[in-house]
PDB file of N, CA and C in Angstrom:
ATOM      1  N   MET A   1      27.748  53.267 -34.330  1.00  0.00           N
ATOM      2  CA  MET A   1      28.640  53.980 -35.199  1.00  0.00           C
ATOM      3  C   MET A   1      28.407  53.496 -36.624  1.00  0.00           C
ATOM      4  N   ASP A   2      28.075  54.383 -37.507  1.00  0.00           N
ATOM      5  CA  ASP A   2      27.804  54.044 -38.894  1.00  0.00           C
ATOM      6  C   ASP A   2      29.096  53.986 -39.686  1.00  0.00           C
ATOM      7  N   SER A   3      29.140  53.004 -40.581  1.00  0.00           N
ATOM      8  CA  SER A   3      30.309  52.931 -41.449  1.00  0.00           C
ATOM      9  C   SER A   3      30.100  53.865 -42.636  1.00  0.00           C
ATOM     10  N   PRO A   4      31.166  54.385 -43.198  1.00  0.00           N
ATOM     11  CA  PRO A   4      31.018  55.295 -44.329  1.00  0.00           C
ATOM     12  C   PRO A   4      30.478  54.531 -45.538  1.00  0.00           C
ATOM     13  N   SER A   5      29.615  55.183 -46.301  1.00  0.00           N
ATOM     14  CA  SER A   5      29.047  54.530 -47.482  1.00  0.00           C
ATOM     15  C   SER A   5      30.053  54.574 -48.626  1.00  0.00           C
ATOM     16  N   LEU A   6      29.832  53.682 -49.586  1.00  0.00           N
ATOM     17  CA  LEU A   6      30.729  53.607 -50.736  1.00  0.00           C
ATOM     18  C   LEU A   6      30.383  54.705 -51.738  1.00  0.00           C
ATOM     19  N   SER A   7      31.399  55.158 -52.422  1.00  0.00           N
ATOM     20  CA  SER A   7      31.160  56.140 -53.475  1.00  0.00           C
ATOM     21  C   SER A   7      30.495  55.436 -54.662  1.00  0.00           C
ATOM     22  N   ALA A   8      30.031  56.202 -55.611  1.00  0.00           N
ATOM     23  CA  ALA A   8      29.362  55.632 -56.784  1.00  0.00           C
ATOM     24  C   ALA A   8      30.312  54.717 -57.558  1.00  0.00           C
ATOM     25  N   ARG A   9      31.550  55.132 -57.684  1.00  0.00           N
ATOM     26  CA  ARG A   9      32.536  54.302 -58.398  1.00  0.00           C
ATOM     27  C   ARG A   9      32.815  53.007 -57.639  1.00  0.00           C
ATOM     28  N   GLU A  10      32.935  53.108 -56.324  1.00  0.00           N
ATOM     29  CA  GLU A  10      33.176  51.915 -55.512  1.00  0.00           C
ATOM     30  C   GLU A  10      31.984  50.964 -55.583  1.00  0.00           C
ATOM     31  N   GLN A  11      30.769  51.488 -55.564  1.00  0.00           N
ATOM     32  CA  GLN A  11      29.586  50.638 -55.670  1.00  0.00           C
ATOM     33  C   GLN A  11      29.539  49.934 -57.021  1.00  0.00           C
ATOM     34  N   GLN A  12      29.903  50.650 -58.085  1.00  0.00           N
ATOM     35  CA  GLN A  12      29.914  50.061 -59.416  1.00  0.00           C
ATOM     36  C   GLN A  12      30.951  48.935 -59.483  1.00  0.00           C
ATOM     37  N   THR A  13      32.131  49.184 -58.931  1.00  0.00           N
ATOM     38  CA  THR A  13      33.181  48.162 -58.904  1.00  0.00           C
ATOM     39  C   THR A  13      32.725  46.957 -58.078  1.00  0.00           C
ATOM     40  N   TRP A  14      32.099  47.224 -56.942  1.00  0.00           N
ATOM     41  CA  TRP A  14      31.603  46.155 -56.068  1.00  0.00           C
ATOM     42  C   TRP A  14      30.569  45.303 -56.800  1.00  0.00           C
ATOM     43  N   GLN A  15      29.653  45.918 -57.534  1.00  0.00           N
ATOM     44  CA  GLN A  15      28.631  45.192 -58.287  1.00  0.00           C
ATOM     45  C   GLN A  15      29.258  44.361 -59.409  1.00  0.00           C
ATOM     46  N   GLN A  16      30.293  44.874 -60.037  1.00  0.00           N
ATOM     47  CA  GLN A  16      30.973  44.120 -61.094  1.00  0.00           C
ATOM     48  C   GLN A  16      31.666  42.881 -60.511  1.00  0.00           C
ATOM     49  N   ILE A  17      32.292  43.052 -59.375  1.00  0.00           N
ATOM     50  CA  ILE A  17      32.955  41.911 -58.711  1.00  0.00           C
ATOM     51  C   ILE A  17      31.927  40.875 -58.309  1.00  0.00           C
ATOM     52  N   ALA A  18      30.822  41.318 -57.724  1.00  0.00           N
ATOM     53  CA  ALA A  18      29.781  40.388 -57.291  1.00  0.00           C
ATOM     54  C   ALA A  18      29.182  39.650 -58.489  1.00  0.00           C
ATOM     55  N   ALA A  19      28.951  40.339 -59.577  1.00  0.00           N
ATOM     56  CA  ALA A  19      28.400  39.702 -60.772  1.00  0.00           C
ATOM     57  C   ALA A  19      29.376  38.675 -61.339  1.00  0.00           C
ATOM     58  N   ALA A  20      30.656  39.001 -61.357  1.00  0.00           N
ATOM     59  CA  ALA A  20      31.660  38.058 -61.865  1.00  0.00           C
ATOM     60  C   ALA A  20      31.738  36.816 -60.986  1.00  0.00           C
ATOM     61  N   LEU A  21      31.652  36.993 -59.676  1.00  0.00           N
ATOM     62  CA  LEU A  21      31.707  35.849 -58.765  1.00  0.00           C
ATOM     63  C   LEU A  21      30.464  34.974 -58.888  1.00  0.00           C
ATOM     64  N   GLU A  22      29.315  35.575 -59.113  1.00  0.00           N
ATOM     65  CA  GLU A  22      28.088  34.795 -59.272  1.00  0.00           C
ATOM     66  C   GLU A  22      28.141  33.941 -60.531  1.00  0.00           C
ATOM     67  N   GLN A  23      28.831  34.388 -61.559  1.00  0.00           N
ATOM     68  CA  GLN A  23      28.917  33.645 -62.805  1.00  0.00           C
ATOM     69  C   GLN A  23      29.998  32.559 -62.756  1.00  0.00           C
ATOM     70  N   ASP A  24      30.913  32.654 -61.827  1.00  0.00           N
ATOM     71  CA  ASP A  24      32.015  31.689 -61.735  1.00  0.00           C
ATOM     72  C   ASP A  24      31.521  30.427 -61.009  1.00  0.00           C
ATOM     73  N   GLU A  25      31.286  29.348 -61.780  1.00  0.00           N
ATOM     74  CA  GLU A  25      30.760  28.115 -61.192  1.00  0.00           C
ATOM     75  C   GLU A  25      31.801  27.416 -60.320  1.00  0.00           C
ATOM     76  N   LEU A  26      33.052  27.469 -60.694  1.00  0.00           N
ATOM     77  CA  LEU A  26      34.106  26.844 -59.891  1.00  0.00           C
ATOM     78  C   LEU A  26      34.192  27.503 -58.515  1.00  0.00           C
ATOM     79  N   PHE A  27      34.109  28.823 -58.475  1.00  0.00           N
ATOM     80  CA  PHE A  27      34.130  29.543 -57.201  1.00  0.00           C
ATOM     81  C   PHE A  27      32.921  29.147 -56.349  1.00  0.00           C
ATOM     82  N   GLY A  28      31.740  29.084 -56.970  1.00  0.00           N
ATOM     83  CA  GLY A  28      30.536  28.704 -56.242  1.00  0.00           C
ATOM     84  C   GLY A  28      30.630  27.300 -55.666  1.00  0.00           C
ATOM     85  N   ARG A  29      31.169  26.370 -56.455  1.00  0.00           N
ATOM     86  CA  ARG A  29      31.326  24.992 -55.989  1.00  0.00           C
ATOM     87  C   ARG A  29      32.308  24.925 -54.823  1.00  0.00           C
ATOM     88  N   ARG A  30      33.413  25.640 -54.934  1.00  0.00           N
ATOM     89  CA  ARG A  30      34.398  25.656 -53.838  1.00  0.00           C
ATOM     90  C   ARG A  30      33.812  26.269 -52.567  1.00  0.00           C
ATOM     91  N   LEU A  31      33.030  27.318 -52.731  1.00  0.00           N
ATOM     92  CA  LEU A  31      32.412  27.961 -51.580  1.00  0.00           C
ATOM     93  C   LEU A  31      31.408  27.029 -50.909  1.00  0.00           C
ATOM     94  N   ARG A  32      30.607  26.324 -51.703  1.00  0.00           N
ATOM     95  CA  ARG A  32      29.643  25.379 -51.127  1.00  0.00           C
ATOM     96  C   ARG A  32      30.361  24.232 -50.425  1.00  0.00           C
ATOM     97  N   THR A  33      31.461  23.747 -51.013  1.00  0.00           N
ATOM     98  CA  THR A  33      32.239  22.676 -50.396  1.00  0.00           C
ATOM     99  C   THR A  33      32.845  23.149 -49.082  1.00  0.00           C
ATOM    100  N   LEU A  34      33.359  24.354 -49.081  1.00  0.00           N
ATOM    101  CA  LEU A  34      33.941  24.917 -47.858  1.00  0.00           C
ATOM    102  C   LEU A  34      32.892  25.035 -46.756  1.00  0.00           C
ATOM    103  N   GLU A  35      31.702  25.500 -47.100  1.00  0.00           N
ATOM    104  CA  GLU A  35      30.623  25.631 -46.108  1.00  0.00           C
ATOM    105  C   GLU A  35      30.171  24.271 -45.608  1.00  0.00           C
ATOM    106  N   ALA A  36      30.171  23.251 -46.480  1.00  0.00           N
ATOM    107  CA  ALA A  36      29.733  21.922 -46.071  1.00  0.00           C
ATOM    108  C   ALA A  36      30.722  21.274 -45.113  1.00  0.00           C
ATOM    109  N   HIS A  37      32.018  21.505 -45.352  1.00  0.00           N
ATOM    110  CA  HIS A  37      33.039  20.862 -44.514  1.00  0.00           C
ATOM    111  C   HIS A  37      33.380  21.652 -43.261  1.00  0.00           C
ATOM    112  N   HIS A  38      33.045  22.919 -43.229  1.00  0.00           N
ATOM    113  CA  HIS A  38      33.380  23.764 -42.091  1.00  0.00           C
ATOM    114  C   HIS A  38      32.145  24.529 -41.647  1.00  0.00           C
ATOM    115  N   PRO A  39      31.273  23.879 -40.862  1.00  0.00           N
ATOM    116  CA  PRO A  39      30.096  24.606 -40.389  1.00  0.00           C
ATOM    117  C   PRO A  39      30.493  25.747 -39.463  1.00  0.00           C
ATOM    118  N   ARG A  40      29.582  26.639 -39.228  1.00  0.00           N
ATOM    119  CA  ARG A  40      29.873  27.837 -38.441  1.00  0.00           C
ATOM    120  C   ARG A  40      30.223  27.527 -36.992  1.00  0.00           C
ATOM    121  N   ARG A  41      29.641  26.507 -36.425  1.00  0.00           N
ATOM    122  CA  ARG A  41      29.932  26.183 -35.035  1.00  0.00           C
ATOM    123  C   ARG A  41      31.301  25.533 -34.925  1.00  0.00           C
ATOM    124  N   GLY A  42      32.007  25.839 -33.863  1.00  0.00           N
ATOM    125  CA  GLY A  42      33.334  25.289 -33.652  1.00  0.00           C
ATOM    126  C   GLY A  42      33.275  23.843 -33.194  1.00  0.00           C
ATOM    127  N   ARG A  43      34.437  23.265 -32.988  1.00  0.00           N
ATOM    128  CA  ARG A  43      34.528  21.871 -32.579  1.00  0.00           C
ATOM    129  C   ARG A  43      33.832  21.638 -31.244  1.00  0.00           C
ATOM    130  N   LEU A  44      34.018  22.525 -30.278  1.00  0.00           N
ATOM    131  CA  LEU A  44      33.354  22.365 -28.993  1.00  0.00           C
ATOM    132  C   LEU A  44      31.851  22.576 -29.121  1.00  0.00           C
ATOM    133  N   GLY A  45      31.457  23.438 -30.017  1.00  0.00           N
ATOM    134  CA  GLY A  45      30.036  23.671 -30.222  1.00  0.00           C
ATOM    135  C   GLY A  45      29.306  22.441 -30.712  1.00  0.00           C
ATOM    136  N   ARG A  46      29.978  21.610 -31.476  1.00  0.00           N
ATOM    137  CA  ARG A  46      29.357  20.368 -31.936  1.00  0.00           C
ATOM    138  C   ARG A  46      29.248  19.349 -30.813  1.00  0.00           C
ATOM    139  N   LEU A  47      30.001  19.498 -29.747  1.00  0.00           N
ATOM    140  CA  LEU A  47      29.963  18.560 -28.636  1.00  0.00           C
ATOM    141  C   LEU A  47      28.821  18.830 -27.665  1.00  0.00           C
ATOM    142  N   ILE A  48      28.180  19.958 -27.758  1.00  0.00           N
ATOM    143  CA  ILE A  48      27.196  20.341 -26.755  1.00  0.00           C
ATOM    144  C   ILE A  48      26.087  19.315 -26.576  1.00  0.00           C
ATOM    145  N   PRO A  49      25.366  18.876 -27.615  1.00  0.00           N
ATOM    146  CA  PRO A  49      24.275  17.932 -27.361  1.00  0.00           C
ATOM    147  C   PRO A  49      24.761  16.604 -26.802  1.00  0.00           C
ATOM    148  N   SER A  50      25.823  16.038 -27.376  1.00  0.00           N
ATOM    149  CA  SER A  50      26.294  14.751 -26.888  1.00  0.00           C
ATOM    150  C   SER A  50      26.899  14.880 -25.494  1.00  0.00           C
ATOM    151  N   SER A  51      27.571  15.984 -25.212  1.00  0.00           N
ATOM    152  CA  SER A  51      28.154  16.157 -23.888  1.00  0.00           C
ATOM    153  C   SER A  51      27.074  16.325 -22.829  1.00  0.00           C
ATOM    154  N   GLY A  52      25.973  16.964 -23.162  1.00  0.00           N
ATOM    155  CA  GLY A  52      24.876  17.118 -22.215  1.00  0.00           C
ATOM    156  C   GLY A  52      24.283  15.773 -21.840  1.00  0.00           C
ATOM    157  N   ARG A  53      24.079  14.914 -22.851  1.00  0.00           N
ATOM    158  CA  ARG A  53      23.565  13.572 -22.567  1.00  0.00           C
ATOM    159  C   ARG A  53      24.592  12.752 -21.799  1.00  0.00           C
ATOM    160  N   SER A  54      25.839  12.872 -22.183  1.00  0.00           N
ATOM    161  CA  SER A  54      26.892  12.136 -21.476  1.00  0.00           C
ATOM    162  C   SER A  54      26.990  12.586 -20.030  1.00  0.00           C
ATOM    163  N   LEU A  55      26.852  13.888 -19.824  1.00  0.00           N
ATOM    164  CA  LEU A  55      26.916  14.423 -18.461  1.00  0.00           C
ATOM    165  C   LEU A  55      25.769  13.886 -17.610  1.00  0.00           C
ATOM    166  N   ALA A  56      24.577  13.818 -18.170  1.00  0.00           N
ATOM    167  CA  ALA A  56      23.431  13.280 -17.425  1.00  0.00           C
ATOM    168  C   ALA A  56      23.650  11.807 -17.092  1.00  0.00           C
ATOM    169  N   LEU A  57      24.146  11.038 -18.048  1.00  0.00           N
ATOM    170  CA  LEU A  57      24.405   9.622 -17.816  1.00  0.00           C
ATOM    171  C   LEU A  57      25.497   9.424 -16.759  1.00  0.00           C
ATOM    172  N   LEU A  58      26.584  10.179 -16.884  1.00  0.00           N
ATOM    173  CA  LEU A  58      27.672  10.052 -15.915  1.00  0.00           C
ATOM    174  C   LEU A  58      27.248  10.497 -14.519  1.00  0.00           C
ATOM    175  N   SER A  59      26.409  11.500 -14.440  1.00  0.00           N
ATOM    176  CA  SER A  59      25.924  11.948 -13.129  1.00  0.00           C
ATOM    177  C   SER A  59      25.054  10.891 -12.475  1.00  0.00           C
ATOM    178  N   ALA A  60      24.193  10.261 -13.261  1.00  0.00           N
ATOM    179  CA  ALA A  60      23.352   9.185 -12.717  1.00  0.00           C
ATOM    180  C   ALA A  60      24.216   8.010 -12.262  1.00  0.00           C
ATOM    181  N   LEU A  61      25.222   7.660 -13.063  1.00  0.00           N
ATOM    182  CA  LEU A  61      26.126   6.576 -12.690  1.00  0.00           C
ATOM    183  C   LEU A  61      26.904   6.930 -11.432  1.00  0.00           C
ATOM    184  N   SER A  62      27.356   8.154 -11.330  1.00  0.00           N
ATOM    185  CA  SER A  62      28.096   8.596 -10.147  1.00  0.00           C
ATOM    186  C   SER A  62      27.233   8.544  -8.894  1.00  0.00           C
ATOM    187  N   LEU A  63      25.988   8.987  -9.021  1.00  0.00           N
ATOM    188  CA  LEU A  63      25.073   8.946  -7.874  1.00  0.00           C
ATOM    189  C   LEU A  63      24.804   7.519  -7.430  1.00  0.00           C
ATOM    190  N   SER A  64      24.566   6.617  -8.391  1.00  0.00           N
ATOM    191  CA  SER A  64      24.309   5.224  -8.014  1.00  0.00           C
ATOM    192  C   SER A  64      25.545   4.569  -7.402  1.00  0.00           C
ATOM    193  N   LEU A  65      26.722   4.873  -7.926  1.00  0.00           N
ATOM    194  CA  LEU A  65      27.947   4.338  -7.328  1.00  0.00           C
ATOM    195  C   LEU A  65      28.167   4.877  -5.919  1.00  0.00           C
ATOM    196  N   THR A  66      27.802   6.135  -5.695  1.00  0.00           N
ATOM    197  CA  THR A  66      27.926   6.709  -4.349  1.00  0.00           C
ATOM    198  C   THR A  66      27.051   5.953  -3.357  1.00  0.00           C
ATOM    199  N   ILE A  67      25.821   5.713  -3.742  1.00  0.00           N
ATOM    200  CA  ILE A  67      24.886   5.016  -2.842  1.00  0.00           C
ATOM    201  C   ILE A  67      25.374   3.606  -2.554  1.00  0.00           C
ATOM    202  N   VAL A  68      25.788   2.881  -3.598  1.00  0.00           N
ATOM    203  CA  VAL A  68      26.254   1.506  -3.399  1.00  0.00           C
ATOM    204  C   VAL A  68      27.564   1.482  -2.614  1.00  0.00           C
ATOM    205  N   ALA A  69      28.477   2.398  -2.898  1.00  0.00           N
ATOM    206  CA  ALA A  69      29.765   2.421  -2.202  1.00  0.00           C
ATOM    207  C   ALA A  69      29.588   2.733  -0.724  1.00  0.00           C
ATOM    208  N   VAL A  70      28.670   3.650  -0.392  1.00  0.00           N
ATOM    209  CA  VAL A  70      28.423   3.973   1.020  1.00  0.00           C
ATOM    210  C   VAL A  70      27.754   2.800   1.723  1.00  0.00           C
ATOM    211  N   ALA A  71      26.807   2.160   1.046  1.00  0.00           N
ATOM    212  CA  ALA A  71      26.082   1.047   1.670  1.00  0.00           C
ATOM    213  C   ALA A  71      26.990  -0.154   1.892  1.00  0.00           C
ATOM    214  N   LEU A  72      27.857  -0.470   0.939  1.00  0.00           N
ATOM    215  CA  LEU A  72      28.683  -1.674   1.048  1.00  0.00           C
ATOM    216  C   LEU A  72      30.094  -1.385   1.543  1.00  0.00           C
ATOM    217  N   SER A  73      30.542  -0.173   1.427  1.00  0.00           N
ATOM    218  CA  SER A  73      31.888   0.283   1.810  1.00  0.00           C
ATOM    219  C   SER A  73      33.001  -0.633   1.291  1.00  0.00           C
ATOM    220  N   HIS A  74      32.930  -0.918  -0.019  1.00  0.00           N
ATOM    221  CA  HIS A  74      33.986  -1.677  -0.684  1.00  0.00           C
ATOM    222  C   HIS A  74      34.922  -0.692  -1.386  1.00  0.00           C
ATOM    223  N   THR A  75      36.214  -0.944  -1.238  1.00  0.00           N
ATOM    224  CA  THR A  75      37.210  -0.053  -1.826  1.00  0.00           C
ATOM    225  C   THR A  75      37.094   0.058  -3.351  1.00  0.00           C
ATOM    226  N   PRO A  76      36.893  -1.040  -4.089  1.00  0.00           N
ATOM    227  CA  PRO A  76      36.776  -0.888  -5.545  1.00  0.00           C
ATOM    228  C   PRO A  76      35.600  -0.005  -5.966  1.00  0.00           C
ATOM    229  N   LEU A  77      34.522  -0.051  -5.227  1.00  0.00           N
ATOM    230  CA  LEU A  77      33.377   0.803  -5.551  1.00  0.00           C
ATOM    231  C   LEU A  77      33.689   2.270  -5.280  1.00  0.00           C
ATOM    232  N   ILE A  78      34.428   2.527  -4.226  1.00  0.00           N
ATOM    233  CA  ILE A  78      34.806   3.910  -3.916  1.00  0.00           C
ATOM    234  C   ILE A  78      35.762   4.446  -4.988  1.00  0.00           C
ATOM    235  N   VAL A  79      36.692   3.602  -5.450  1.00  0.00           N
ATOM    236  CA  VAL A  79      37.596   4.002  -6.525  1.00  0.00           C
ATOM    237  C   VAL A  79      36.822   4.244  -7.817  1.00  0.00           C
ATOM    238  N   ALA A  80      35.848   3.386  -8.120  1.00  0.00           N
ATOM    239  CA  ALA A  80      35.017   3.564  -9.317  1.00  0.00           C
ATOM    240  C   ALA A  80      34.231   4.867  -9.230  1.00  0.00           C
ATOM    241  N   PHE A  81      33.696   5.175  -8.049  1.00  0.00           N
ATOM    242  CA  PHE A  81      32.973   6.430  -7.866  1.00  0.00           C
ATOM    243  C   PHE A  81      33.888   7.626  -8.121  1.00  0.00           C
ATOM    244  N   GLY A  82      35.109   7.571  -7.584  1.00  0.00           N
ATOM    245  CA  GLY A  82      36.060   8.664  -7.796  1.00  0.00           C
ATOM    246  C   GLY A  82      36.404   8.842  -9.272  1.00  0.00           C
ATOM    247  N   SER A  83      36.591   7.740  -9.972  1.00  0.00           N
ATOM    248  CA  SER A  83      36.919   7.808 -11.401  1.00  0.00           C
ATOM    249  C   SER A  83      35.771   8.397 -12.215  1.00  0.00           C
ATOM    250  N   VAL A  84      34.561   7.918 -11.952  1.00  0.00           N
ATOM    251  CA  VAL A  84      33.393   8.421 -12.678  1.00  0.00           C
ATOM    252  C   VAL A  84      33.162   9.898 -12.349  1.00  0.00           C
ATOM    253  N   SER A  85      33.418  10.292 -11.127  1.00  0.00           N
ATOM    254  CA  SER A  85      33.246  11.689 -10.743  1.00  0.00           C
ATOM    255  C   SER A  85      34.230  12.606 -11.479  1.00  0.00           C
ATOM    256  N   VAL A  86      35.468  12.169 -11.615  1.00  0.00           N
ATOM    257  CA  VAL A  86      36.467  12.965 -12.337  1.00  0.00           C
ATOM    258  C   VAL A  86      36.054  13.125 -13.802  1.00  0.00           C
ATOM    259  N   VAL A  87      35.605  12.047 -14.426  1.00  0.00           N
ATOM    260  CA  VAL A  87      35.158  12.122 -15.819  1.00  0.00           C
ATOM    261  C   VAL A  87      33.930  13.031 -15.927  1.00  0.00           C
ATOM    262  N   SER A  88      33.014  12.927 -14.972  1.00  0.00           N
ATOM    263  CA  SER A  88      31.813  13.775 -14.982  1.00  0.00           C
ATOM    264  C   SER A  88      32.172  15.256 -14.883  1.00  0.00           C
ATOM    265  N   ILE A  89      33.086  15.579 -14.026  1.00  0.00           N
ATOM    266  CA  ILE A  89      33.500  16.977 -13.865  1.00  0.00           C
ATOM    267  C   ILE A  89      34.185  17.479 -15.131  1.00  0.00           C
ATOM    268  N   THR A  90      35.005  16.645 -15.760  1.00  0.00           N
ATOM    269  CA  THR A  90      35.666  17.033 -17.006  1.00  0.00           C
ATOM    270  C   THR A  90      34.651  17.290 -18.110  1.00  0.00           C
ATOM    271  N   VAL A  91      33.686  16.388 -18.259  1.00  0.00           N
ATOM    272  CA  VAL A  91      32.642  16.571 -19.278  1.00  0.00           C
ATOM    273  C   VAL A  91      31.826  17.824 -18.975  1.00  0.00           C
ATOM    274  N   ALA A  92      31.535  18.073 -17.712  1.00  0.00           N
ATOM    275  CA  ALA A  92      30.776  19.270 -17.341  1.00  0.00           C
ATOM    276  C   ALA A  92      31.540  20.541 -17.700  1.00  0.00           C
ATOM    277  N   LEU A  93      32.832  20.559 -17.461  1.00  0.00           N
ATOM    278  CA  LEU A  93      33.630  21.740 -17.808  1.00  0.00           C
ATOM    279  C   LEU A  93      33.674  21.968 -19.315  1.00  0.00           C
ATOM    280  N   VAL A  94      33.862  20.893 -20.082  1.00  0.00           N
ATOM    281  CA  VAL A  94      33.875  21.021 -21.543  1.00  0.00           C
ATOM    282  C   VAL A  94      32.515  21.520 -22.029  1.00  0.00           C
ATOM    283  N   TRP A  95      31.450  20.974 -21.473  1.00  0.00           N
ATOM    284  CA  TRP A  95      30.096  21.347 -21.871  1.00  0.00           C
ATOM    285  C   TRP A  95      29.830  22.823 -21.563  1.00  0.00           C
ATOM    286  N   LEU A  96      30.216  23.259 -20.376  1.00  0.00           N
ATOM    287  CA  LEU A  96      29.997  24.657 -20.012  1.00  0.00           C
ATOM    288  C   LEU A  96      30.840  25.609 -20.860  1.00  0.00           C
ATOM    289  N   CYS A  97      32.092  25.250 -21.109  1.00  0.00           N
ATOM    290  CA  CYS A  97      32.952  26.095 -21.949  1.00  0.00           C
ATOM    291  C   CYS A  97      32.414  26.164 -23.373  1.00  0.00           C
ATOM    292  N   ALA A  98      31.956  25.046 -23.896  1.00  0.00           N
ATOM    293  CA  ALA A  98      31.418  25.040 -25.256  1.00  0.00           C
ATOM    294  C   ALA A  98      30.171  25.897 -25.354  1.00  0.00           C
ATOM    295  N   ARG A  99      29.313  25.819 -24.362  1.00  0.00           N
ATOM    296  CA  ARG A  99      28.102  26.637 -24.379  1.00  0.00           C
ATOM    297  C   ARG A  99      28.456  28.122 -24.288  1.00  0.00           C
ATOM    298  N   ARG A 100      29.461  28.441 -23.502  1.00  0.00           N
ATOM    299  CA  ARG A 100      29.858  29.849 -23.363  1.00  0.00           C
ATOM    300  C   ARG A 100      30.466  30.365 -24.654  1.00  0.00           C
ATOM    301  N   TRP A 101      31.335  29.553 -25.285  1.00  0.00           N
ATOM    302  CA  TRP A 101      32.003  29.995 -26.501  1.00  0.00           C
ATOM    303  C   TRP A 101      31.043  30.096 -27.673  1.00  0.00           C
ATOM    304  N   THR A 102      30.034  29.224 -27.749  1.00  0.00           N
ATOM    305  CA  THR A 102      29.093  29.316 -28.849  1.00  0.00           C
ATOM    306  C   THR A 102      28.060  30.407 -28.609  1.00  0.00           C
ATOM    307  N   ALA A 103      27.825  30.759 -27.352  1.00  0.00           N
ATOM    308  CA  ALA A 103      26.871  31.835 -27.049  1.00  0.00           C
ATOM    309  C   ALA A 103      27.475  33.195 -27.336  1.00  0.00           C
ATOM    310  N   HIS A 104      28.796  33.331 -27.200  1.00  0.00           N
ATOM    311  CA  HIS A 104      29.492  34.604 -27.423  1.00  0.00           C
ATOM    312  C   HIS A 104      30.572  34.420 -28.471  1.00  0.00           C
ATOM    313  N   PRO A 105      30.193  34.408 -29.768  1.00  0.00           N
ATOM    314  CA  PRO A 105      31.209  34.162 -30.812  1.00  0.00           C
ATOM    315  C   PRO A 105      32.207  35.282 -30.924  1.00  0.00           C
TER     316      PRO A 105
END
């Protein structure tokens, strides 16, 4: 669906506004500051790389705790495995949600 084009008067007004904004150094500085402090990706989007590495580390730790807990059958190891597994699942959910939200803005 095409949007309606601007009339000649509207285009002239638009060009005047754009020219005035380009000459306004204070506006340009504020815009650059705003872009620097607020990147396009959301808060969860910034977590994606670190969460992926954290998820891999937590999964490896969970797997090793599972093997040791089964071999030795000590209660503290089983509790540690359960705790690490809960954290791993939470990180995985955050990571998946962040990837979905950044893929479909």
